[in-house]
Amino acid sequence: MSSHSWQDLPKALGGEEAASRLSQSLSEDGQFLAFTTTDAITKAVTFGIKAAGDDSALLITIDNGEGSAKVGHHKEALFTLSALPEQWEQFFKPIPVAPYQSYWGMIGMNINQKGIEVLGDQDGFVHHTHVWRRTLELLHDIHCGPIKMDEQPDMDEDYITGRYIYINAPVWGKCKVFVEQSGVGKQQIVFLHTAGSDGRQYHGVMNNEKMRKACTMYAFDLPGHGRSFPSRSYYPGAHTNTEDSYIGCIAAVVKKLRLNKPIICGASMAGQVCLAVAIRSEEVGAGGCIPLQGSEYLTMQRQWHDRSPYVNQSLFNPEWVYGMMSPTAPEVNKALIWHLYSAQAYGIFHGDLDFYFGGWDGRSRVGSINTKKCPVYMLTGEYDWSNTPEMSQATADKIPGAQHKVMKGLGHFPATENPAKFVPYLLEAIESIQRTRTTGLDITILRMTDD
């Protein structure tokens, strides 16, 4: 089907027949019903989906525990999701390429595309993000058939133990922090969670047999995140994050656990702080860094829905990040990421993004990283439209001796989305860092012998 055929989106999807099939899916889909079944919905709301330049829209009406679809004029809707015909054509591929796996990705952050806009009530669009996202997924399945998700076997044994430690960190002060540990390998590695989340993101990796043999692994929740207690330095809702406070917290955990030159690995916000750790490796006591989804600097316009008193963050925050994942990631892992982002306290996500969006700036500094002392191996999922592979590669190119690899079939949360796919990349990075450090040690010994 050509892009020209997508100018009338309802017709391209099958017209009234597609609308009827969508109505049936909405009446049966457990996720849609979980989102909409509440007596708090006292008035039906209609939203539309259409191609730019055409008035015909697929109109979806939601009510308490109900949903229906029809074809009509987009002005009948409270708000309408609009995109160019060729953009919808990409979205409705059997397995879309980045950033077309989600409408949020199409709107973009660092992949800015023209022709996409939300028409009508902008508040309505934000308030119903969970509903229109799920509706688009059902519509995609109707048109293309269900996406074949990667398989992941269930586990019956867990090898992770957790405990609390007290640390003193800049800004946060004295904090009670939750730490988890697994593995018996000689290589120590510390995992850092993404903005507005916690260390449960790494359970799949920390239970992996190969990782348990190769490494002793640690993951901790930042103060106020997940199972860690909040900092006394902030009023509830006033959390923020800076390079100094973040670096100080990591260094305090490394010191408290008495780790010896561990590798530091983290994604997104934590991927960026890994670069800061590499710059300040002596201060942290790090022996290598594996930044996931990291770059030297991010520039983008911030939105404030994640700290709005008029938006339900337990619905908005997980929806905003949900589309950054690979479309083929196991459903159970996608649900876990959604849950973790729905579970954090008010203002935590937004405060972390103070660091992610502009608070971190390594543009004039990453070139000074000594990769003999602190090797850097960057990994980036191909489906990430927030920190793209191109951005990570541009950063790696500025760091003498750094390496970078794009991870196929993974997105913004590689360790959580699909641990089985991620672990081989991770082990390769760990082995590369170990070789670099061994080579550097041999050179040092030779020089000492010559002297």
Protein backbone atom coordinates (compact mmCIF):
# COMPACT_ATOMS: atom_id res chain seq x y z
CA MET A 1 0.00 0.00 0.00
CA SER A 2 1.46 3.38 -1.02
CA SER A 3 1.69 6.45 1.21
CA HIS A 4 -0.95 8.04 -1.01
CA SER A 5 -3.39 5.35 0.11
CA TRP A 6 -2.98 6.48 3.72
CA GLN A 7 -4.37 9.98 3.12
CA ASP A 8 -7.77 8.73 4.27
CA LEU A 9 -6.70 6.89 7.43
CA PRO A 10 -10.03 5.22 8.30
CA LYS A 11 -10.32 3.91 4.72
CA ALA A 12 -6.71 2.64 4.75
CA LEU A 13 -7.47 0.71 7.95
CA GLY A 14 -10.69 -0.81 6.61
CA GLY A 15 -13.38 1.82 7.18
CA GLU A 16 -16.50 0.88 9.13
CA GLU A 17 -15.46 -2.77 9.23
CA ALA A 18 -12.25 -1.82 11.05
CA ALA A 19 -14.27 0.43 13.37
CA SER A 20 -16.60 -2.46 14.16
CA ARG A 21 -13.67 -4.78 14.89
CA LEU A 22 -12.10 -2.12 17.11
CA SER A 23 -15.38 -1.73 19.02
CA GLN A 24 -15.38 -5.46 19.65
CA SER A 25 -11.74 -5.38 20.81
CA LEU A 26 -12.43 -2.49 23.17
CA SER A 27 -15.32 -4.41 24.76
CA GLU A 28 -13.11 -7.46 25.39
CA ASP A 29 -9.60 -6.11 26.08
CA GLY A 30 -8.63 -6.48 29.72
CA GLN A 31 -6.15 -3.60 29.67
CA PHE A 32 -8.60 -1.15 28.12
CA LEU A 33 -11.29 -2.18 30.59
CA ALA A 34 -8.87 -1.81 33.52
CA PHE A 35 -8.13 1.74 32.37
CA THR A 36 -11.74 2.77 31.84
CA THR A 37 -13.86 0.89 34.37
CA THR A 38 -14.43 3.44 37.13
CA ASP A 39 -17.45 5.35 38.36
CA ALA A 40 -15.28 8.47 38.22
CA ILE A 41 -15.98 8.53 34.46
CA THR A 42 -19.37 10.21 34.46
CA LYS A 43 -19.34 11.57 30.91
CA ALA A 44 -18.40 9.93 27.63
CA VAL A 45 -15.35 11.31 25.83
CA THR A 46 -14.58 10.97 22.12
CA PHE A 47 -11.15 11.26 20.55
CA GLY A 48 -10.07 10.88 16.95
CA ILE A 49 -7.24 9.46 14.84
CA LYS A 50 -6.66 10.88 11.37
CA ALA A 51 -4.16 11.69 8.65
CA ALA A 52 -3.00 15.30 8.26
CA GLY A 53 -4.81 17.12 5.48
CA ASP A 54 -7.96 14.99 5.68
CA ASP A 55 -11.08 15.49 7.79
CA SER A 56 -12.12 11.84 8.02
CA ALA A 57 -11.21 10.30 11.36
CA LEU A 58 -11.65 7.13 13.28
CA LEU A 59 -13.65 8.28 16.31
CA ILE A 60 -13.34 6.38 19.58
CA THR A 61 -15.80 7.03 22.39
CA ILE A 62 -15.00 5.90 25.91
CA ASP A 63 -17.26 5.67 28.92
CA ASN A 64 -17.29 3.79 32.22
CA GLY A 65 -16.14 0.31 31.19
CA GLU A 66 -17.15 0.86 27.58
CA GLY A 67 -15.58 1.79 24.27
CA SER A 68 -16.84 2.06 20.72
CA ALA A 69 -15.51 3.24 17.36
CA LYS A 70 -16.95 4.71 14.17
CA VAL A 71 -15.86 6.77 11.17
CA GLY A 72 -16.71 10.48 11.20
CA HIS A 73 -15.46 14.07 11.06
CA HIS A 74 -12.55 14.84 13.37
CA LYS A 75 -14.31 17.89 14.79
CA GLU A 76 -16.69 15.56 16.59
CA ALA A 77 -13.76 14.63 18.87
CA LEU A 78 -12.49 16.34 22.00
CA PHE A 79 -8.96 15.86 20.65
CA THR A 80 -7.47 14.15 17.60
CA LEU A 81 -4.14 12.42 17.00
CA SER A 82 -2.94 13.59 13.60
CA ALA A 83 0.10 12.55 11.56
CA LEU A 84 1.20 12.59 7.94
CA PRO A 85 -0.02 9.67 5.80
CA GLU A 86 3.51 8.32 5.40
CA GLN A 87 4.01 8.45 9.18
CA TRP A 88 0.87 6.42 9.85
CA GLU A 89 2.02 3.99 7.16
CA GLN A 90 5.21 3.42 9.17
CA PHE A 91 3.28 3.07 12.44
CA PHE A 92 1.07 0.36 10.95
CA LYS A 93 3.95 -1.80 9.72
CA PRO A 94 3.88 -5.33 11.23
CA ILE A 95 6.99 -4.43 13.28
CA PRO A 96 7.57 -0.66 13.16
CA VAL A 97 11.06 0.80 13.14
CA ALA A 98 12.05 3.57 15.57
CA PRO A 99 10.49 5.98 16.37
CA TYR A 100 7.22 4.71 14.88
CA GLN A 101 6.60 2.13 17.61
CA SER A 102 4.54 4.72 19.49
CA TYR A 103 2.71 7.99 18.91
CA TRP A 104 4.89 9.60 21.60
CA GLY A 105 7.90 8.52 19.60
CA MET A 106 6.40 10.02 16.46
CA ILE A 107 5.90 13.33 18.26
CA GLY A 108 9.49 12.88 19.32
CA MET A 109 12.03 14.35 21.66
CA ASN A 110 15.33 14.20 19.88
CA ILE A 111 13.73 12.80 16.73
CA ASN A 112 11.65 15.81 15.74
CA GLN A 113 9.23 15.18 12.90
CA LYS A 114 7.07 17.66 11.05
CA GLY A 115 3.43 17.02 10.33
CA ILE A 116 2.47 15.46 13.66
CA GLU A 117 0.13 17.40 15.91
CA VAL A 118 -2.59 16.93 18.46
CA LEU A 119 -5.71 18.85 17.47
CA GLY A 120 -8.28 20.10 19.94
CA ASP A 121 -8.20 19.89 23.73
CA GLN A 122 -4.58 19.44 24.84
CA ASP A 123 -5.55 18.64 28.43
CA GLY A 124 -7.87 15.93 27.15
CA PHE A 125 -4.98 14.44 25.19
CA VAL A 126 -2.78 14.30 28.33
CA HIS A 127 -5.53 13.04 30.63
CA HIS A 128 -6.34 10.14 28.31
CA THR A 129 -2.85 9.13 27.19
CA HIS A 130 -3.28 5.61 28.63
CA VAL A 131 -6.55 5.14 26.73
CA TRP A 132 -5.43 6.34 23.30
CA ARG A 133 -2.15 4.41 23.61
CA ARG A 134 -3.93 1.14 24.26
CA THR A 135 -6.47 1.89 21.52
CA LEU A 136 -3.69 2.41 18.99
CA GLU A 137 -2.12 -0.91 20.01
CA LEU A 138 -5.43 -2.71 19.47
CA LEU A 139 -5.90 -0.97 16.13
CA HIS A 140 -2.39 -2.01 15.08
CA ASP A 141 -3.18 -5.63 15.97
CA ILE A 142 -6.41 -5.49 14.00
CA HIS A 143 -4.64 -4.18 10.92
CA CYS A 144 -1.39 -6.21 11.06
CA GLY A 145 -2.04 -9.05 13.42
CA PRO A 146 -0.51 -9.22 16.91
CA ILE A 147 3.20 -8.41 17.12
CA LYS A 148 5.21 -11.53 17.88
CA MET A 149 6.75 -10.81 21.27
CA ASP A 150 10.08 -12.26 22.34
CA GLU A 151 9.64 -15.23 24.64
CA GLN A 152 10.89 -15.29 28.19
CA PRO A 153 10.68 -18.38 30.41
CA ASP A 154 9.26 -18.05 33.90
CA MET A 155 11.65 -18.38 36.82
CA ASP A 156 11.04 -20.40 39.97
CA GLU A 157 14.15 -19.33 41.89
CA ASP A 158 15.45 -15.86 42.75
CA TYR A 159 19.07 -15.23 43.68
CA ILE A 160 18.88 -11.62 44.83
CA THR A 161 19.19 -10.52 48.45
CA GLY A 162 18.45 -7.02 49.70
CA ARG A 163 19.23 -4.90 52.73
CA TYR A 164 19.34 -1.30 53.90
CA ILE A 165 22.46 0.81 54.40
CA TYR A 166 22.95 4.34 55.67
CA ILE A 167 24.95 6.74 53.53
CA ASN A 168 25.82 10.43 53.67
CA ALA A 169 25.54 12.17 50.32
CA PRO A 170 25.76 15.79 49.15
CA VAL A 171 22.39 17.59 49.23
CA TRP A 172 20.50 14.43 50.21
CA GLY A 173 22.34 14.19 53.55
CA LYS A 174 22.05 11.07 55.70
CA CYS A 175 19.80 8.57 53.94
CA LYS A 176 18.53 5.04 54.42
CA VAL A 177 19.10 3.37 51.06
CA PHE A 178 17.97 -0.02 49.77
CA VAL A 179 20.66 -2.19 48.11
CA GLU A 180 20.34 -5.54 46.36
CA GLN A 181 23.13 -8.03 45.60
CA SER A 182 23.60 -11.22 43.61
CA GLY A 183 26.34 -13.25 41.97
CA VAL A 184 29.70 -14.68 43.03
CA GLY A 185 31.99 -13.55 40.20
CA LYS A 186 35.20 -11.58 40.76
CA GLN A 187 34.07 -8.59 38.73
CA GLN A 188 32.08 -6.13 40.83
CA ILE A 189 29.45 -4.08 39.00
CA VAL A 190 26.98 -1.48 40.28
CA PHE A 191 23.72 -0.94 38.39
CA LEU A 192 21.99 2.45 38.43
CA HIS A 193 18.30 2.79 37.63
CA THR A 194 16.69 5.27 35.24
CA ALA A 195 14.98 8.53 36.20
CA GLY A 196 11.88 8.04 38.33
CA SER A 197 12.37 4.32 38.83
CA ASP A 198 14.32 1.88 41.02
CA GLY A 199 16.68 -1.10 41.05
CA ARG A 200 13.99 -3.69 40.28
CA GLN A 201 14.77 -2.85 36.65
CA TYR A 202 17.84 -5.10 36.93
CA HIS A 203 16.28 -8.24 38.41
CA GLY A 204 16.38 -10.06 35.09
CA VAL A 205 20.09 -9.34 34.72
CA MET A 206 20.95 -10.05 38.35
CA ASN A 207 19.24 -13.45 38.16
CA ASN A 208 20.94 -14.38 34.89
CA GLU A 209 23.18 -17.44 35.37
CA LYS A 210 26.04 -16.16 33.21
CA MET A 211 26.03 -12.82 34.98
CA ARG A 212 25.96 -14.48 38.42
CA LYS A 213 29.03 -16.51 37.54
CA ALA A 214 30.93 -13.59 36.00
CA CYS A 215 30.10 -10.82 38.46
CA THR A 216 29.10 -9.78 41.93
CA MET A 217 26.28 -7.38 41.17
CA TYR A 218 24.79 -4.53 43.17
CA ALA A 219 21.81 -2.28 42.51
CA PHE A 220 20.52 0.44 44.80
CA ASP A 221 17.53 2.77 44.84
CA LEU A 222 18.39 6.45 45.00
CA PRO A 223 17.06 8.26 48.09
CA GLY A 224 13.31 8.74 47.79
CA HIS A 225 13.07 6.19 44.97
CA GLY A 226 11.55 2.73 45.12
CA ARG A 227 12.23 1.17 48.49
CA SER A 228 14.74 3.76 49.75
CA PHE A 229 13.60 6.27 52.33
CA PRO A 230 13.16 9.89 51.27
CA SER A 231 15.78 12.52 51.94
CA ARG A 232 15.07 14.88 54.83
CA SER A 233 16.55 17.71 52.76
CA TYR A 234 13.50 17.99 50.49
CA TYR A 235 9.86 18.68 51.12
CA PRO A 236 7.65 16.05 49.49
CA GLY A 237 7.37 16.94 45.81
CA ALA A 238 10.46 19.18 45.77
CA HIS A 239 13.01 16.56 44.70
CA THR A 240 15.72 17.49 42.22
CA ASN A 241 18.94 15.87 41.05
CA THR A 242 22.32 17.36 40.15
CA GLU A 243 25.64 15.96 39.03
CA ASP A 244 27.30 16.62 42.38
CA SER A 245 24.52 15.04 44.45
CA TYR A 246 24.27 12.06 42.09
CA ILE A 247 28.04 11.44 41.95
CA GLY A 248 28.26 11.86 45.73
CA CYS A 249 25.53 9.28 46.28
CA ILE A 250 27.22 6.71 44.02
CA ALA A 251 30.57 7.31 45.69
CA ALA A 252 28.99 6.92 49.14
CA VAL A 253 27.45 3.56 48.19
CA VAL A 254 30.74 2.31 46.70
CA LYS A 255 32.55 3.32 49.88
CA LYS A 256 29.91 1.89 52.23
CA LEU A 257 29.93 -1.47 50.44
CA ARG A 258 33.75 -1.43 50.37
CA LEU A 259 33.87 -2.12 46.65
CA ASN A 260 37.17 -2.25 44.79
CA LYS A 261 37.14 -0.40 41.46
CA PRO A 262 33.68 -1.62 40.39
CA ILE A 263 32.23 -1.07 36.94
CA ILE A 264 29.36 1.44 37.04
CA CYS A 265 26.48 0.77 34.64
CA GLY A 266 23.21 2.62 34.19
CA ALA A 267 20.66 3.73 31.60
CA SER A 268 19.18 7.07 30.55
CA MET A 269 19.79 9.55 33.38
CA ALA A 270 22.10 6.91 34.83
CA GLY A 271 23.79 6.49 31.46
CA GLN A 272 24.68 10.15 31.53
CA VAL A 273 25.95 9.98 35.09
CA CYS A 274 28.15 7.06 34.03
CA LEU A 275 29.95 9.53 31.78
CA ALA A 276 30.25 11.91 34.73
CA VAL A 277 31.60 9.01 36.81
CA ALA A 278 34.22 8.34 34.12
CA ILE A 279 35.29 11.98 34.30
CA ARG A 280 35.42 11.83 38.11
CA SER A 281 36.47 8.19 38.46
CA GLU A 282 39.02 8.79 41.22
CA GLU A 283 36.37 10.51 43.34
CA VAL A 284 33.92 7.65 42.89
CA GLY A 285 36.43 4.82 42.97
CA ALA A 286 35.21 3.44 39.64
CA GLY A 287 37.17 1.02 37.48
CA GLY A 288 35.08 1.31 34.33
CA CYS A 289 31.76 2.58 33.03
CA ILE A 290 29.05 1.15 30.79
CA PRO A 291 26.68 4.01 29.90
CA LEU A 292 23.38 2.73 28.49
CA GLN A 293 21.32 5.25 26.52
CA GLY A 294 23.75 8.02 27.45
CA SER A 295 25.22 11.07 25.73
CA GLU A 296 27.16 14.21 26.52
CA TYR A 297 24.14 16.54 26.55
CA LEU A 298 20.42 16.59 25.80
CA THR A 299 18.59 19.62 24.49
CA MET A 300 14.84 19.46 24.25
CA GLN A 301 11.79 21.37 25.37
CA ARG A 302 10.55 20.13 28.72
CA GLN A 303 6.94 19.29 29.44
CA TRP A 304 5.49 19.73 32.93
CA HIS A 305 2.71 17.16 32.92
CA ASP A 306 4.90 14.90 35.07
CA ARG A 307 4.71 17.44 37.88
CA SER A 308 1.29 18.92 37.27
CA PRO A 309 -1.30 18.91 40.09
CA TYR A 310 -3.93 18.51 37.35
CA VAL A 311 -2.48 15.34 35.80
CA ASN A 312 -2.43 11.88 37.36
CA GLN A 313 1.30 11.05 37.35
CA SER A 314 0.64 7.38 38.07
CA LEU A 315 -1.00 7.24 34.64
CA PHE A 316 0.91 9.85 32.67
CA ASN A 317 4.50 9.06 33.66
CA PRO A 318 4.47 5.36 32.70
CA GLU A 319 2.66 6.14 29.45
CA TRP A 320 5.21 8.76 28.44
CA VAL A 321 8.10 6.27 28.69
CA TYR A 322 6.20 3.16 27.57
CA GLY A 323 6.71 3.87 23.88
CA MET A 324 10.52 4.07 24.25
CA MET A 325 10.74 0.29 24.36
CA SER A 326 11.14 -2.24 21.59
CA PRO A 327 7.75 -3.36 20.26
CA THR A 328 8.88 -7.01 20.51
CA ALA A 329 9.90 -6.90 24.19
CA PRO A 330 8.13 -9.54 26.32
CA GLU A 331 4.81 -8.18 27.53
CA VAL A 332 5.58 -9.02 31.17
CA ASN A 333 8.66 -6.77 31.06
CA LYS A 334 6.78 -3.90 29.45
CA ALA A 335 4.21 -4.23 32.23
CA LEU A 336 6.99 -4.14 34.84
CA ILE A 337 8.38 -0.88 33.46
CA TRP A 338 4.88 0.59 33.39
CA HIS A 339 4.38 -0.48 37.01
CA LEU A 340 7.70 0.94 38.22
CA TYR A 341 6.98 4.31 36.64
CA SER A 342 3.48 4.34 38.05
CA ALA A 343 4.75 3.56 41.55
CA GLN A 344 7.10 6.47 42.29
CA ALA A 345 6.28 9.45 44.51
CA TYR A 346 5.07 12.81 43.24
CA GLY A 347 7.84 14.93 41.72
CA ILE A 348 10.52 12.22 41.76
CA PHE A 349 10.51 11.65 37.99
CA HIS A 350 10.44 15.35 37.16
CA GLY A 351 13.21 16.10 39.64
CA ASP A 352 15.42 13.41 38.13
CA LEU A 353 14.83 14.92 34.71
CA ASP A 354 16.35 18.15 36.05
CA PHE A 355 19.62 16.26 35.63
CA TYR A 356 18.72 14.42 32.41
CA PHE A 357 17.45 17.49 30.54
CA GLY A 358 20.30 19.96 30.63
CA GLY A 359 21.49 19.48 34.21
CA TRP A 360 24.19 17.21 32.83
CA ASP A 361 26.53 18.84 30.32
CA GLY A 362 29.66 16.96 29.39
CA ARG A 363 30.27 18.59 26.03
CA SER A 364 33.54 20.23 27.05
CA ARG A 365 34.57 17.45 29.43
CA VAL A 366 34.07 13.96 27.96
CA GLY A 367 37.16 14.35 25.79
CA SER A 368 39.27 14.41 28.94
CA ILE A 369 38.18 10.95 30.14
CA ASN A 370 41.17 8.68 30.74
CA THR A 371 39.93 5.37 29.38
CA LYS A 372 43.09 3.60 30.54
CA LYS A 373 42.09 4.23 34.15
CA CYS A 374 38.33 4.10 33.60
CA PRO A 375 37.41 2.35 30.34
CA VAL A 376 34.13 3.42 28.73
CA TYR A 377 31.95 1.08 26.66
CA MET A 378 28.64 2.65 25.58
CA LEU A 379 25.55 0.67 24.59
CA THR A 380 22.38 2.11 23.02
CA GLY A 381 19.10 0.42 22.12
CA GLU A 382 17.97 1.02 18.55
CA TYR A 383 14.39 1.86 19.58
CA ASP A 384 15.26 4.77 21.88
CA TRP A 385 13.93 8.08 20.56
CA SER A 386 14.98 9.99 23.68
CA ASN A 387 18.71 9.29 23.55
CA THR A 388 19.29 7.97 20.04
CA PRO A 389 22.15 5.69 18.92
CA GLU A 390 23.46 8.54 16.79
CA MET A 391 23.75 10.76 19.87
CA SER A 392 25.63 8.09 21.81
CA GLN A 393 27.98 7.46 18.90
CA ALA A 394 28.76 11.17 18.58
CA THR A 395 29.66 11.21 22.28
CA ALA A 396 31.80 8.07 22.05
CA ASP A 397 33.68 9.62 19.14
CA LYS A 398 34.83 12.42 21.46
CA ILE A 399 36.21 10.06 24.13
CA PRO A 400 39.67 8.67 23.24
CA GLY A 401 39.55 4.90 23.53
CA ALA A 402 35.80 4.64 24.16
CA GLN A 403 33.67 2.06 22.37
CA HIS A 404 30.00 2.11 21.38
CA LYS A 405 27.62 -0.51 20.07
CA VAL A 406 23.96 -0.33 19.00
CA MET A 407 21.77 -3.02 20.58
CA LYS A 408 19.32 -4.55 18.13
CA GLY A 409 15.79 -5.22 19.30
CA LEU A 410 16.15 -3.11 22.45
CA GLY A 411 15.02 0.34 23.47
CA HIS A 412 15.45 2.84 26.29
CA PHE A 413 15.31 0.22 29.09
CA PRO A 414 17.46 -2.61 27.69
CA ALA A 415 18.18 -4.38 30.99
CA THR A 416 14.47 -4.60 31.81
CA GLU A 417 12.89 -4.97 28.38
CA ASN A 418 14.72 -8.13 27.44
CA PRO A 419 17.49 -9.36 29.77
CA ALA A 420 18.25 -12.35 27.52
CA LYS A 421 19.03 -10.03 24.60
CA PHE A 422 20.84 -7.50 26.75
CA VAL A 423 23.19 -9.76 28.73
CA PRO A 424 25.39 -10.76 25.75
CA TYR A 425 26.01 -7.07 24.99
CA LEU A 426 26.72 -6.43 28.67
CA LEU A 427 29.17 -9.31 29.00
CA GLU A 428 31.01 -8.16 25.88
CA ALA A 429 31.33 -4.67 27.39
CA ILE A 430 32.55 -6.07 30.72
CA GLU A 431 35.15 -8.25 29.01
CA SER A 432 36.35 -5.28 26.94
CA ILE A 433 36.77 -3.17 30.06
CA GLN A 434 38.65 -5.97 31.80
CA ARG A 435 41.04 -6.34 28.82
CA THR A 436 41.67 -2.59 28.74
CA ARG A 437 42.41 -2.47 32.46
CA THR A 438 44.70 -5.52 32.26
CA THR A 439 46.61 -3.99 29.35
CA GLY A 440 47.01 -0.74 31.26
CA LEU A 441 48.26 -2.67 34.31
CA ASP A 442 50.80 -4.58 32.22
CA ILE A 443 52.14 -1.33 30.75
CA THR A 444 52.48 0.12 34.25
CA ILE A 445 54.38 -2.94 35.49
CA LEU A 446 56.73 -2.82 32.49
CA ARG A 447 57.46 0.84 33.08
CA MET A 448 58.16 0.18 36.77
CA THR A 449 60.52 -2.66 35.77
CA ASP A 450 62.34 -0.44 33.27
CA ASP A 451 62.80 2.23 35.92
